[in-house]
Amino acid sequence: MAQQTKSKSGRSPRSNPIAEWWSGVDRSSKVLYGAVVVVCLGFYILLGNTLYNVGTLQSMGFQIGEFMFLALAMGIVMLTGGIDLSVVANMNVSAIIIAWMLSGSEMGRLGSPRVSIAVAVLLGIVATVVCGMVNGLLVSLAGVNPIVATLGTQLLFTGIASAATNGSSIGVGVLDYAMLGISTVAGVPVVFLLGLVCYLVVGWITSRTRYGRELYFYGSNPVASLFSGHRVNRTLVLTYAAAGIFVGLAAMVMVARVNSARVGFGETYLLQALLVVVLAGFDPFGGRGRFGNLLLAVIMLQVLQTGFTILNFSPFVKNLAWGSALVIVMVLSRAFELRANRTGRTVKAAADTASASVKTKEVNNE
């Protein structure tokens, strides 16, 4: 037998590392990787160098900025089994605060442009953190369902922004702030690099710290997490507050990119954020999700967005595509999960039958 497993040279055959890696990949990741390959190859066949050139790729790096942060905020909340439908409304509140502070009015002027920018960004992020904590307190202490709670705060935040601006836009008067939206490092947009750093930090925190372990444990089984002595209310409030930080960063990038703020900016981001989080393999019921996959899904969706723009698709067709994709991905994920559960039950039943048969034979032999 030992000789049969060896090659002619006397050495054991080497296994394929790619095949071994692929066999260890979970189903949701396989779906994501397959979708990435199909999208990238499909657009390369359709558009070629029109899409895949340095200028277009750099433009995508600028455009993806705020969406990266919104998807990150949605993903970290979904790990708890919740959802945050107020991310876009919260972002607009912060964007209006930042734009107002930088509008050049007497009340918004704080001396030097750098001081004005620092104070504006700080106030904008503080506002989103406070809004995130409101969501967390409603879900944890008040026990309100996350969908109901964040839907209510979405209307609340939108109403606050609308009342403060009367629905009009606010332009940025500090020209230096716009540099954030166009700055690059070695040809790579700064906003994209900032997003990469945030994904790396969140990935490390959720995988290497006690908070991260409690976050995944709570999402997998809230009751067991509670009886294990975990501070579940604290975990929820911190998670929604952390989501607020990323929403504030999204507002910062958006204002720098469009040089203004108004209620209603980025309305389609909510649907797209939900789409990429589900496509990345995050379980809507909590406890499962990888931020590396989320980053890959965000980049893929930006490629789709840019490809649709080059092909002159109307915004209505884009919304139809995002909605259809979200429904299809959720249905497929659920179908794969049910199939895996049925397969697991079948294997377990077969193992139990075999075990019972062996015990019966042992008893008969005795």
Protein backbone atom coordinates (compact mmCIF):
# COMPACT_ATOMS: atom_id res chain seq x y z
CA MET A 1 0.00 0.00 0.00
CA ALA A 2 2.82 2.39 0.86
CA GLN A 3 4.43 1.72 -2.51
CA GLN A 4 1.17 2.36 -4.36
CA THR A 5 0.80 5.82 -2.85
CA LYS A 6 4.22 6.88 -3.99
CA SER A 7 5.23 8.17 -7.38
CA LYS A 8 7.92 6.61 -9.54
CA SER A 9 10.54 8.85 -7.97
CA GLY A 10 9.74 7.41 -4.58
CA ARG A 11 8.05 10.55 -3.28
CA SER A 12 4.45 10.93 -2.18
CA PRO A 13 2.29 12.91 -4.63
CA ARG A 14 1.89 16.55 -3.66
CA SER A 15 -1.57 17.90 -3.05
CA ASN A 16 -2.83 20.96 -4.89
CA PRO A 17 -2.75 23.92 -2.46
CA ILE A 18 -5.38 25.80 -4.46
CA ALA A 19 -7.75 22.82 -4.31
CA GLU A 20 -7.17 22.49 -0.58
CA TRP A 21 -7.86 26.19 -0.05
CA TRP A 22 -11.02 26.05 -2.16
CA SER A 23 -12.34 23.02 -0.29
CA GLY A 24 -12.07 24.98 2.94
CA VAL A 25 -13.98 28.00 1.65
CA ASP A 26 -17.56 28.32 2.90
CA ARG A 27 -20.52 28.45 0.51
CA SER A 28 -21.21 32.17 0.83
CA SER A 29 -17.59 33.01 0.03
CA LYS A 30 -17.68 30.72 -3.01
CA VAL A 31 -20.78 32.54 -4.26
CA LEU A 32 -19.04 35.89 -3.77
CA TYR A 33 -15.81 34.84 -5.48
CA GLY A 34 -17.78 33.37 -8.38
CA ALA A 35 -19.76 36.60 -8.73
CA VAL A 36 -16.57 38.66 -8.72
CA VAL A 37 -15.05 36.55 -11.49
CA VAL A 38 -18.23 36.71 -13.59
CA VAL A 39 -18.61 40.48 -13.18
CA CYS A 40 -14.97 41.32 -13.85
CA LEU A 41 -14.66 39.02 -16.86
CA GLY A 42 -18.07 40.04 -18.20
CA PHE A 43 -17.28 43.74 -18.16
CA TYR A 44 -13.83 43.09 -19.60
CA ILE A 45 -15.46 41.35 -22.55
CA LEU A 46 -18.02 44.13 -22.96
CA LEU A 47 -15.88 47.20 -22.28
CA GLY A 48 -12.25 46.12 -22.30
CA ASN A 49 -9.82 48.96 -21.62
CA THR A 50 -12.67 51.47 -21.50
CA LEU A 51 -13.30 50.24 -17.95
CA TYR A 52 -9.96 48.77 -16.96
CA ASN A 53 -7.59 51.68 -17.35
CA VAL A 54 -5.71 53.80 -14.82
CA GLY A 55 -7.98 56.82 -15.12
CA THR A 56 -11.21 54.89 -14.68
CA LEU A 57 -9.84 52.80 -11.81
CA GLN A 58 -8.68 55.95 -10.04
CA SER A 59 -12.08 57.52 -10.56
CA MET A 60 -13.70 54.46 -8.99
CA GLY A 61 -11.37 54.86 -6.02
CA PHE A 62 -12.68 58.38 -5.48
CA GLN A 63 -16.33 57.41 -5.93
CA ILE A 64 -16.23 54.37 -3.63
CA GLY A 65 -15.21 56.39 -0.55
CA GLU A 66 -18.45 57.02 1.31
CA PHE A 67 -19.96 53.72 0.19
CA MET A 68 -17.08 51.77 1.78
CA PHE A 69 -17.84 53.32 5.16
CA LEU A 70 -21.62 52.87 4.94
CA ALA A 71 -21.20 49.18 4.07
CA LEU A 72 -18.81 48.80 7.00
CA ALA A 73 -21.35 50.39 9.34
CA MET A 74 -24.11 48.11 8.05
CA GLY A 75 -21.91 45.02 8.31
CA ILE A 76 -20.82 45.53 11.91
CA VAL A 77 -24.44 46.08 12.97
CA MET A 78 -25.62 42.98 11.08
CA LEU A 79 -23.18 40.86 13.09
CA THR A 80 -25.49 41.43 16.07
CA GLY A 81 -28.48 40.17 14.11
CA GLY A 82 -29.73 43.72 13.68
CA ILE A 83 -29.90 46.28 10.92
CA ASP A 84 -29.46 50.03 10.63
CA LEU A 85 -31.87 51.61 8.17
CA SER A 86 -30.88 55.09 9.33
CA VAL A 87 -27.30 55.12 8.00
CA VAL A 88 -28.05 57.41 5.04
CA ALA A 89 -30.22 59.80 7.08
CA ASN A 90 -27.56 59.87 9.78
CA MET A 91 -24.90 60.57 7.15
CA ASN A 92 -26.89 63.50 5.79
CA VAL A 93 -27.24 65.03 9.27
CA SER A 94 -23.49 64.87 9.69
CA ALA A 95 -22.86 66.16 6.16
CA ILE A 96 -25.10 69.18 6.80
CA ILE A 97 -23.25 69.96 10.03
CA ILE A 98 -19.88 69.74 8.26
CA ALA A 99 -21.03 71.81 5.29
CA TRP A 100 -22.61 74.45 7.54
CA MET A 101 -19.43 74.77 9.60
CA LEU A 102 -17.46 75.22 6.38
CA SER A 103 -19.97 77.40 4.57
CA GLY A 104 -18.07 80.63 5.23
CA SER A 105 -20.89 82.25 7.21
CA GLU A 106 -20.12 84.31 10.28
CA MET A 107 -21.32 81.52 12.57
CA GLY A 108 -19.37 78.89 10.68
CA ARG A 109 -16.07 80.77 10.56
CA LEU A 110 -13.54 79.63 13.15
CA GLY A 111 -10.41 81.38 12.00
CA SER A 112 -7.96 79.38 9.90
CA PRO A 113 -9.23 76.83 7.38
CA ARG A 114 -7.48 73.96 9.16
CA VAL A 115 -9.17 74.74 12.46
CA SER A 116 -12.53 75.06 10.72
CA ILE A 117 -12.06 71.72 8.97
CA ALA A 118 -10.97 69.93 12.16
CA VAL A 119 -13.88 71.28 14.21
CA ALA A 120 -16.40 70.59 11.44
CA VAL A 121 -15.30 66.97 10.98
CA LEU A 122 -15.20 66.40 14.74
CA LEU A 123 -18.72 67.76 15.23
CA GLY A 124 -19.99 65.74 12.30
CA ILE A 125 -18.59 62.48 13.70
CA VAL A 126 -19.83 63.28 17.21
CA ALA A 127 -23.32 63.81 15.78
CA THR A 128 -23.32 60.41 14.02
CA VAL A 129 -22.01 58.67 17.13
CA VAL A 130 -24.80 60.21 19.20
CA CYS A 131 -27.35 59.10 16.60
CA GLY A 132 -25.83 55.62 16.62
CA MET A 133 -26.04 55.46 20.41
CA VAL A 134 -29.72 56.43 20.19
CA ASN A 135 -30.26 53.43 17.93
CA GLY A 136 -28.29 51.19 20.27
CA LEU A 137 -30.23 52.30 23.34
CA LEU A 138 -33.56 51.75 21.57
CA VAL A 139 -32.55 48.23 20.56
CA SER A 140 -30.82 47.18 23.79
CA LEU A 141 -32.48 48.94 26.73
CA ALA A 142 -35.91 49.65 25.23
CA GLY A 143 -36.02 46.27 23.48
CA VAL A 144 -37.33 47.71 20.21
CA ASN A 145 -36.90 45.58 17.10
CA PRO A 146 -33.89 46.90 15.10
CA ILE A 147 -35.95 47.36 11.93
CA VAL A 148 -38.63 49.37 13.73
CA ALA A 149 -36.11 51.35 15.80
CA THR A 150 -33.86 52.38 12.91
CA LEU A 151 -36.80 53.04 10.60
CA GLY A 152 -38.14 55.44 13.20
CA THR A 153 -34.79 57.17 13.68
CA GLN A 154 -34.38 57.36 9.91
CA LEU A 155 -37.53 59.49 9.76
CA LEU A 156 -36.39 61.44 12.83
CA PHE A 157 -32.94 62.25 11.43
CA THR A 158 -34.38 63.16 8.04
CA GLY A 159 -36.88 65.46 9.72
CA ILE A 160 -34.16 67.17 11.75
CA ALA A 161 -32.03 67.77 8.65
CA SER A 162 -35.00 69.01 6.63
CA ALA A 163 -36.12 71.39 9.37
CA ALA A 164 -32.61 72.77 9.79
CA THR A 165 -32.09 73.45 6.08
CA ASN A 166 -35.65 73.84 4.75
CA GLY A 167 -34.67 71.27 2.16
CA SER A 168 -32.04 73.48 0.53
CA SER A 169 -28.41 72.55 -0.07
CA ILE A 170 -25.44 74.05 1.78
CA GLY A 171 -22.25 74.74 -0.12
CA VAL A 172 -18.74 74.47 1.30
CA GLY A 173 -16.84 77.76 1.36
CA VAL A 174 -13.46 76.43 2.55
CA LEU A 175 -11.72 75.41 -0.65
CA ASP A 176 -8.99 73.44 1.12
CA TYR A 177 -11.52 70.88 2.28
CA ALA A 178 -12.21 69.75 -1.28
CA MET A 179 -8.61 68.50 -1.50
CA LEU A 180 -9.59 65.47 0.56
CA GLY A 181 -11.84 64.33 -2.26
CA ILE A 182 -9.13 64.56 -4.94
CA SER A 183 -5.88 63.80 -3.09
CA THR A 184 -3.84 60.71 -3.97
CA VAL A 185 -0.85 58.81 -2.59
CA ALA A 186 1.21 57.10 -5.30
CA GLY A 187 -1.81 57.43 -7.59
CA VAL A 188 -4.21 55.80 -5.11
CA PRO A 189 -7.04 58.03 -3.77
CA VAL A 190 -6.64 58.98 -0.12
CA VAL A 191 -10.29 58.21 0.64
CA PHE A 192 -9.82 54.66 -0.63
CA LEU A 193 -6.70 54.19 1.50
CA LEU A 194 -8.58 55.52 4.53
CA GLY A 195 -11.31 52.98 3.88
CA LEU A 196 -8.76 50.15 3.63
CA VAL A 197 -7.27 51.14 6.99
CA CYS A 198 -10.72 51.13 8.60
CA TYR A 199 -11.50 47.66 7.22
CA LEU A 200 -8.19 46.32 8.53
CA VAL A 201 -8.78 47.84 11.97
CA VAL A 202 -12.34 46.50 12.22
CA GLY A 203 -11.23 43.08 11.00
CA TRP A 204 -8.53 42.96 13.68
CA ILE A 205 -10.84 44.17 16.45
CA THR A 206 -13.60 41.69 15.64
CA SER A 207 -11.21 38.74 15.40
CA ARG A 208 -8.62 39.50 18.09
CA THR A 209 -10.36 41.27 20.93
CA ARG A 210 -12.83 40.32 23.64
CA TYR A 211 -15.38 42.74 22.21
CA GLY A 212 -15.16 41.02 18.84
CA ARG A 213 -15.70 37.58 20.36
CA GLU A 214 -18.68 38.82 22.34
CA LEU A 215 -20.05 40.46 19.19
CA TYR A 216 -20.01 37.24 17.18
CA PHE A 217 -21.24 35.19 20.14
CA TYR A 218 -24.17 37.53 20.72
CA GLY A 219 -25.11 37.42 17.04
CA SER A 220 -25.00 33.62 17.03
CA ASN A 221 -27.01 33.14 20.22
CA PRO A 222 -28.21 36.20 22.19
CA VAL A 223 -29.71 34.12 25.00
CA ALA A 224 -26.56 32.07 25.53
CA SER A 225 -24.49 35.25 25.41
CA LEU A 226 -26.65 36.80 28.12
CA PHE A 227 -26.43 33.77 30.43
CA SER A 228 -22.68 33.55 29.82
CA GLY A 229 -22.26 36.83 31.65
CA HIS A 230 -21.55 38.98 28.60
CA ARG A 231 -22.61 42.61 28.82
CA VAL A 232 -24.97 42.39 25.87
CA ASN A 233 -26.47 45.86 26.25
CA ARG A 234 -23.01 47.39 26.31
CA THR A 235 -22.03 45.39 23.23
CA LEU A 236 -25.08 46.58 21.32
CA VAL A 237 -24.63 50.25 22.22
CA LEU A 238 -20.92 50.13 21.36
CA THR A 239 -21.68 48.45 18.04
CA TYR A 240 -24.24 51.03 16.95
CA ALA A 241 -21.94 53.82 18.17
CA ALA A 242 -19.05 52.34 16.16
CA ALA A 243 -21.34 52.23 13.13
CA GLY A 244 -21.95 55.93 13.76
CA ILE A 245 -18.22 56.61 13.51
CA PHE A 246 -18.08 55.08 10.04
CA VAL A 247 -21.22 56.93 9.00
CA GLY A 248 -19.51 60.15 10.09
CA LEU A 249 -16.46 59.28 7.98
CA ALA A 250 -18.79 58.64 5.04
CA ALA A 251 -20.30 62.10 5.51
CA MET A 252 -16.83 63.63 5.67
CA VAL A 253 -15.84 62.02 2.37
CA MET A 254 -19.14 62.81 0.65
CA VAL A 255 -18.99 66.52 1.48
CA ALA A 256 -15.38 66.70 0.27
CA ARG A 257 -16.30 64.96 -2.97
CA VAL A 258 -19.47 66.89 -3.92
CA ASN A 259 -18.54 70.12 -2.07
CA SER A 260 -22.03 70.53 -0.60
CA ALA A 261 -24.68 68.79 1.50
CA ARG A 262 -28.44 68.38 1.22
CA VAL A 263 -31.18 66.15 2.57
CA GLY A 264 -31.64 63.22 0.22
CA PHE A 265 -28.03 62.79 -0.91
CA GLY A 266 -27.07 59.14 -1.34
CA GLU A 267 -30.55 57.66 -1.03
CA THR A 268 -29.58 54.61 -3.12
CA TYR A 269 -26.70 53.81 -0.76
CA LEU A 270 -29.02 52.10 1.71
CA LEU A 271 -30.13 49.44 -0.76
CA GLN A 272 -26.59 49.00 -2.07
CA ALA A 273 -25.17 48.65 1.45
CA LEU A 274 -27.69 45.93 2.26
CA LEU A 275 -26.85 44.20 -1.02
CA VAL A 276 -23.09 44.07 -0.51
CA VAL A 277 -23.39 42.98 3.13
CA VAL A 278 -25.64 40.06 2.22
CA LEU A 279 -23.52 39.23 -0.83
CA ALA A 280 -20.41 39.20 1.37
CA GLY A 281 -21.93 36.36 3.38
CA PHE A 282 -23.13 38.23 6.46
CA ASP A 283 -25.99 36.38 8.10
CA PRO A 284 -29.02 38.69 8.54
CA PHE A 285 -29.68 36.81 11.79
CA GLY A 286 -26.20 37.65 13.07
CA GLY A 287 -23.03 35.87 14.11
CA ARG A 288 -21.41 35.38 10.72
CA GLY A 289 -19.50 37.64 8.35
CA ARG A 290 -15.99 38.47 7.14
CA PHE A 291 -14.89 42.02 6.50
CA GLY A 292 -12.40 40.96 3.83
CA ASN A 293 -15.32 39.56 1.86
CA LEU A 294 -17.26 42.75 2.50
CA LEU A 295 -14.47 44.87 1.03
CA LEU A 296 -14.36 42.61 -2.03
CA ALA A 297 -18.15 42.90 -2.46
CA VAL A 298 -17.96 46.70 -2.21
CA ILE A 299 -15.30 46.86 -4.92
CA MET A 300 -17.30 44.53 -7.14
CA LEU A 301 -20.42 46.66 -6.78
CA GLN A 302 -18.44 49.77 -7.67
CA VAL A 303 -17.23 48.02 -10.82
CA LEU A 304 -20.86 47.25 -11.64
CA GLN A 305 -21.88 50.84 -10.97
CA THR A 306 -19.13 52.23 -13.22
CA GLY A 307 -19.88 49.69 -15.93
CA PHE A 308 -23.57 50.60 -15.92
CA THR A 309 -22.64 54.27 -16.19
CA ILE A 310 -20.37 53.65 -19.18
CA LEU A 311 -23.16 51.63 -20.81
CA ASN A 312 -25.54 54.59 -20.24
CA PHE A 313 -27.98 52.69 -18.03
CA SER A 314 -30.64 54.94 -16.50
CA PRO A 315 -30.84 55.32 -12.70
CA PHE A 316 -34.16 53.47 -12.75
CA VAL A 317 -32.56 50.45 -14.40
CA LYS A 318 -29.77 50.55 -11.82
CA ASN A 319 -32.25 50.51 -8.95
CA LEU A 320 -34.04 47.60 -10.59
CA ALA A 321 -30.72 45.76 -10.87
CA TRP A 322 -29.78 46.40 -7.22
CA GLY A 323 -33.19 45.32 -5.93
CA SER A 324 -33.29 42.20 -8.08
CA ALA A 325 -29.75 41.26 -7.09
CA LEU A 326 -30.56 41.65 -3.38
CA VAL A 327 -33.61 39.38 -3.65
CA ILE A 328 -31.71 36.77 -5.69
CA VAL A 329 -28.74 36.73 -3.32
CA MET A 330 -30.98 36.34 -0.25
CA VAL A 331 -32.99 33.54 -1.86
CA LEU A 332 -29.84 31.68 -2.96
CA SER A 333 -28.24 32.08 0.47
CA ARG A 334 -31.35 30.71 2.14
CA ALA A 335 -31.55 27.83 -0.34
CA PHE A 336 -27.91 26.88 0.27
CA GLU A 337 -28.45 27.03 4.01
CA LEU A 338 -31.51 24.78 3.88
CA ARG A 339 -29.69 22.34 1.61
CA ALA A 340 -26.73 22.22 4.01
CA ASN A 341 -29.07 21.59 6.94
CA ARG A 342 -30.83 18.75 5.11
CA THR A 343 -27.49 17.21 4.16
CA GLY A 344 -26.29 17.47 7.75
CA ARG A 345 -29.43 15.80 9.06
CA THR A 346 -29.11 13.01 6.48
CA VAL A 347 -25.49 12.34 7.37
CA LYS A 348 -26.31 12.36 11.08
CA ALA A 349 -29.21 9.95 10.57
CA ALA A 350 -26.98 7.61 8.57
CA ALA A 351 -24.29 7.75 11.24
CA ASP A 352 -26.83 7.02 13.99
CA THR A 353 -28.20 4.07 12.02
CA ALA A 354 -24.72 2.65 11.47
CA SER A 355 -23.87 3.11 15.14
CA ALA A 356 -27.06 1.37 16.21
CA SER A 357 -26.35 -1.49 13.82
CA VAL A 358 -22.85 -1.96 15.22
CA LYS A 359 -24.16 -2.00 18.80
CA THR A 360 -26.80 -4.56 17.82
CA LYS A 361 -24.15 -6.85 16.32
CA GLU A 362 -21.98 -6.51 19.42
CA VAL A 363 -24.91 -7.46 21.63
CA ASN A 364 -25.75 -10.48 19.44
CA ASN A 365 -22.12 -11.63 19.50
CA GLU A 366 -22.06 -11.49 23.27
